C-alpha atoms as a PDB file:
ATOM      1  CA  MET A   1      94.032 -77.416  80.469  1.00  0.00           C
ATOM      2  CA  ALA A   2      90.247 -77.244  79.923  1.00  0.00           C
ATOM      3  CA  MET A   3      88.659 -75.765  76.796  1.00  0.00           C
ATOM      4  CA  ILE A   4      85.192 -75.513  75.272  1.00  0.00           C
ATOM      5  CA  TYR A   5      84.499 -77.979  72.440  1.00  0.00           C
ATOM      6  CA  ALA A   6      81.446 -78.854  70.356  1.00  0.00           C
ATOM      7  CA  ALA A   7      80.332 -82.343  71.413  1.00  0.00           C
ATOM      8  CA  LEU A   8      79.026 -85.197  69.274  1.00  0.00           C
ATOM      9  CA  THR A   9      77.097 -87.597  71.492  1.00  0.00           C
ATOM     10  CA  GLY A  10      75.716 -91.121  71.210  1.00  0.00           C
ATOM     11  CA  ILE A  11      78.552 -92.312  68.961  1.00  0.00           C
ATOM     12  CA  ASN A  12      78.946 -96.097  68.775  1.00  0.00           C
ATOM     13  CA  PRO A  13      81.776 -97.246  71.130  1.00  0.00           C
ATOM     14  CA  SER A  14      83.232 -99.555  68.462  1.00  0.00           C
ATOM     15  CA  LEU A  15      83.443 -96.588  66.071  1.00  0.00           C
ATOM     16  CA  ILE A  16      85.278 -94.554  68.721  1.00  0.00           C
ATOM     17  CA  ALA A  17      87.709 -97.470  69.180  1.00  0.00           C
ATOM     18  CA  GLU A  18      88.331 -97.531  65.417  1.00  0.00           C
ATOM     19  CA  ILE A  19      88.919 -93.762  65.322  1.00  0.00           C
ATOM     20  CA  LYS A  20      91.486 -94.149  68.129  1.00  0.00           C
ATOM     21  CA  MET A  21      93.635 -96.208  65.740  1.00  0.00           C
ATOM     22  CA  GLY A  22      94.678 -92.871  64.249  1.00  0.00           C
ATOM     23  CA  ARG A  23      93.664 -93.070  60.594  1.00  0.00           C
ATOM     24  CA  PRO A  24      91.334 -90.353  59.271  1.00  0.00           C
ATOM     25  CA  ARG A  25      87.711 -91.496  59.035  1.00  0.00           C
ATOM     26  CA  THR A  26      84.622 -90.010  57.409  1.00  0.00           C
ATOM     27  CA  LEU A  27      81.390 -90.318  59.369  1.00  0.00           C
ATOM     28  CA  GLU A  28      77.853 -89.716  58.136  1.00  0.00           C
ATOM     29  CA  LEU A  29      75.622 -88.544  60.970  1.00  0.00           C
ATOM     30  CA  THR A  30      71.841 -88.290  60.747  1.00  0.00           C
ATOM     31  CA  SER A  31      70.805 -87.507  64.330  1.00  0.00           C
ATOM     32  CA  ALA A  32      69.330 -84.015  64.546  1.00  0.00           C
ATOM     33  CA  HIS A  33      71.237 -82.971  67.674  1.00  0.00           C
ATOM     34  CA  ASN A  34      74.627 -83.913  66.166  1.00  0.00           C
ATOM     35  CA  ILE A  35      73.807 -82.145  62.882  1.00  0.00           C
ATOM     36  CA  ILE A  36      72.852 -78.997  64.820  1.00  0.00           C
ATOM     37  CA  THR A  37      76.148 -79.202  66.724  1.00  0.00           C
ATOM     38  CA  LEU A  38      78.147 -79.690  63.509  1.00  0.00           C
ATOM     39  CA  SER A  39      76.490 -76.602  62.020  1.00  0.00           C
ATOM     40  CA  GLU A  40      78.477 -74.620  64.639  1.00  0.00           C
ATOM     41  CA  VAL A  41      81.818 -76.264  63.710  1.00  0.00           C
ATOM     42  CA  ASN A  42      84.412 -75.211  61.139  1.00  0.00           C
ATOM     43  CA  PRO A  43      87.005 -77.397  59.442  1.00  0.00           C
ATOM     44  CA  ASP A  44      90.369 -77.389  61.252  1.00  0.00           C
ATOM     45  CA  SER A  45      88.752 -77.194  64.700  1.00  0.00           C
ATOM     46  CA  LEU A  46      88.678 -79.775  67.492  1.00  0.00           C
ATOM     47  CA  ILE A  47      85.498 -81.503  68.644  1.00  0.00           C
ATOM     48  CA  PHE A  48      84.714 -83.868  71.511  1.00  0.00           C
ATOM     49  CA  MET A  49      83.106 -87.247  70.729  1.00  0.00           C
ATOM     50  CA  THR A  50      81.516 -89.590  73.252  1.00  0.00           C
ATOM     51  CA  SER A  51      79.310 -92.678  73.293  1.00  0.00           C
ATOM     52  CA  THR A  52      77.217 -91.133  76.094  1.00  0.00           C
ATOM     53  CA  ASP A  53      73.734 -90.001  75.023  1.00  0.00           C
ATOM     54  CA  MET A  54      73.104 -86.259  74.977  1.00  0.00           C
ATOM     55  CA  GLU A  55      70.512 -86.496  77.767  1.00  0.00           C
ATOM     56  CA  ASP A  56      72.973 -88.314  80.054  1.00  0.00           C
ATOM     57  CA  LEU A  57      76.030 -86.120  79.404  1.00  0.00           C
ATOM     58  CA  ALA A  58      77.682 -85.148  82.705  1.00  0.00           C
ATOM     59  CA  PRO A  59      81.028 -84.100  84.191  1.00  0.00           C
ATOM     60  CA  GLY A  60      83.431 -87.036  84.365  1.00  0.00           C
ATOM     61  CA  ASP A  61      82.198 -88.706  81.167  1.00  0.00           C
ATOM     62  CA  GLY A  62      85.019 -89.774  78.897  1.00  0.00           C
ATOM     63  CA  GLY A  63      85.481 -89.363  75.183  1.00  0.00           C
ATOM     64  CA  ILE A  64      87.987 -88.366  72.556  1.00  0.00           C
ATOM     65  CA  LEU A  65      89.098 -85.142  70.914  1.00  0.00           C
ATOM     66  CA  VAL A  66      89.223 -85.243  67.118  1.00  0.00           C
ATOM     67  CA  HIS A  67      90.490 -82.798  64.510  1.00  0.00           C
ATOM     68  CA  VAL A  68      87.916 -81.870  61.837  1.00  0.00           C
ATOM     69  CA  ILE A  69      89.511 -82.228  58.399  1.00  0.00           C
ATOM     70  CA  GLY A  70      86.371 -81.671  56.310  1.00  0.00           C
ATOM     71  CA  LEU A  71      82.663 -81.097  56.866  1.00  0.00           C
ATOM     72  CA  SER A  72      79.525 -80.932  54.735  1.00  0.00           C
ATOM     73  CA  ILE A  73      75.842 -80.822  55.646  1.00  0.00           C
ATOM     74  CA  SER A  74      73.315 -81.738  52.970  1.00  0.00           C
ATOM     75  CA  MET A  75      69.624 -82.391  52.508  1.00  0.00           C
ATOM     76  CA  LYS A  76      68.096 -84.949  50.150  1.00  0.00           C
ATOM     77  CA  ARG A  77      64.480 -85.160  49.016  1.00  0.00           C
ATOM     78  CA  VAL A  78      62.885 -88.563  48.565  1.00  0.00           C
ATOM     79  CA  VAL A  79      59.545 -88.981  46.802  1.00  0.00           C
ATOM     80  CA  GLU A  80      57.694 -92.298  47.031  1.00  0.00           C
ATOM     81  CA  TYR A  81      54.726 -93.103  44.806  1.00  0.00           C
ATOM     82  CA  ALA A  82      52.101 -95.636  45.985  1.00  0.00           C
ATOM     83  CA  ASN A  83      49.786 -95.090  43.042  1.00  0.00           C
ATOM     84  CA  PRO A  84      49.173 -92.269  40.586  1.00  0.00           C
ATOM     85  CA  LEU A  85      47.050 -90.377  43.124  1.00  0.00           C
ATOM     86  CA  PHE A  86      49.218 -90.684  46.240  1.00  0.00           C
ATOM     87  CA  TYR A  87      52.821 -89.781  46.867  1.00  0.00           C
ATOM     88  CA  GLU A  88      54.882 -89.001  49.927  1.00  0.00           C
ATOM     89  CA  GLU A  89      57.744 -86.521  49.969  1.00  0.00           C
ATOM     90  CA  ARG A  90      60.365 -86.657  52.713  1.00  0.00           C
ATOM     91  CA  GLU A  91      63.548 -84.774  53.432  1.00  0.00           C
ATOM     92  CA  ARG A  92      66.644 -86.313  54.960  1.00  0.00           C
ATOM     93  CA  THR A  93      69.409 -84.132  56.361  1.00  0.00           C
ATOM     94  CA  SER A  94      72.819 -85.623  57.014  1.00  0.00           C
ATOM     95  CA  ALA A  95      76.271 -84.388  57.913  1.00  0.00           C
ATOM     96  CA  ARG A  96      79.508 -85.898  56.642  1.00  0.00           C
ATOM     97  CA  VAL A  97      82.538 -85.092  58.727  1.00  0.00           C
ATOM     98  CA  GLN A  98      86.104 -86.276  58.141  1.00  0.00           C
ATOM     99  CA  ILE A  99      88.057 -86.511  61.384  1.00  0.00           C
ATOM    100  CA  ARG A 100      91.396 -87.610  62.817  1.00  0.00           C
ATOM    101  CA  TYR A 101      91.968 -88.778  66.401  1.00  0.00           C
ATOM    102  CA  MET A 102      93.958 -86.423  68.616  1.00  0.00           C
ATOM    103  CA  CYS A 103      93.692 -87.679  72.223  1.00  0.00           C
ATOM    104  CA  SER A 104      91.431 -88.936  74.994  1.00  0.00           C
ATOM    105  CA  SER A 105      89.518 -86.425  77.072  1.00  0.00           C
ATOM    106  CA  THR A 106      87.139 -86.053  80.010  1.00  0.00           C
ATOM    107  CA  ILE A 107      84.235 -83.648  80.465  1.00  0.00           C
ATOM    108  CA  LYS A 108      84.744 -80.996  83.134  1.00  0.00           C
ATOM    109  CA  SER A 109      81.309 -79.394  82.615  1.00  0.00           C
ATOM    110  CA  VAL A 110      78.455 -79.371  80.103  1.00  0.00           C
ATOM    111  CA  GLU A 111      78.089 -75.862  78.681  1.00  0.00           C
ATOM    112  CA  SER A 112      74.856 -76.224  76.694  1.00  0.00           C
ATOM    113  CA  ARG A 113      72.481 -78.987  75.828  1.00  0.00           C
ATOM    114  CA  GLY A 114      68.915 -79.100  74.651  1.00  0.00           C
ATOM    115  CA  THR A 115      66.510 -79.575  71.821  1.00  0.00           C
ATOM    116  CA  GLY A 116      67.433 -77.381  68.901  1.00  0.00           C
ATOM    117  CA  GLN A 117      70.743 -76.279  70.445  1.00  0.00           C
ATOM    118  CA  ALA A 118      74.312 -77.259  69.715  1.00  0.00           C
ATOM    119  CA  THR A 119      76.013 -79.215  72.503  1.00  0.00           C
ATOM    120  CA  PHE A 120      79.238 -77.827  73.975  1.00  0.00           C
ATOM    121  CA  VAL A 121      81.406 -79.205  76.778  1.00  0.00           C
ATOM    122  CA  ASP A 122      84.338 -77.935  78.792  1.00  0.00           C
ATOM    123  CA  ALA A 123      86.769 -80.827  78.404  1.00  0.00           C
ATOM    124  CA  VAL A 124      90.203 -81.609  79.819  1.00  0.00           C
ATOM    125  CA  LYS A 125      92.847 -83.250  77.633  1.00  0.00           C
ATOM    126  CA  ALA A 126      94.328 -86.440  79.005  1.00  0.00           C
ATOM    127  CA  GLN A 127      97.755 -86.112  80.613  1.00  0.00           C
ATOM    128  CA  GLN A 128      99.190 -88.318  77.896  1.00  0.00           C
ATOM    129  CA  TYR A 129     100.563 -86.967  74.631  1.00  0.00           C
ATOM    130  CA  CYS A 130      97.927 -85.173  72.565  1.00  0.00           C
ATOM    131  CA  ALA A 131      98.804 -84.785  68.868  1.00  0.00           C
ATOM    132  CA  LEU A 132      97.870 -81.127  68.502  1.00  0.00           C
END
């Protein structure tokens, strides 16, 4: 059965392997495209995660489905002083998401992808048991 899921892309393969062990994990993401995607997600929903980069996402790419337990997006301001006359102010946005592994999945089609847009995929759950 295929369904539309928000997709987090470019996730480290070793992190995906750790998530597959089944224990809840909290991730802090700083990539703009993943933060934009998470802004469209609510706690208690399912999302698709893959190590494939957003630009390379295509049907047949594998990943995992995870259950979102908690989610927060925040912005921090950092001010650096070089001398009394010069300072630099920067903002850093990050998203913290607590997730739990549900099952493996494969992309059937990419629904949306692009700069400034959330990424969604039509994904098929693996035939194996999926803890939904």
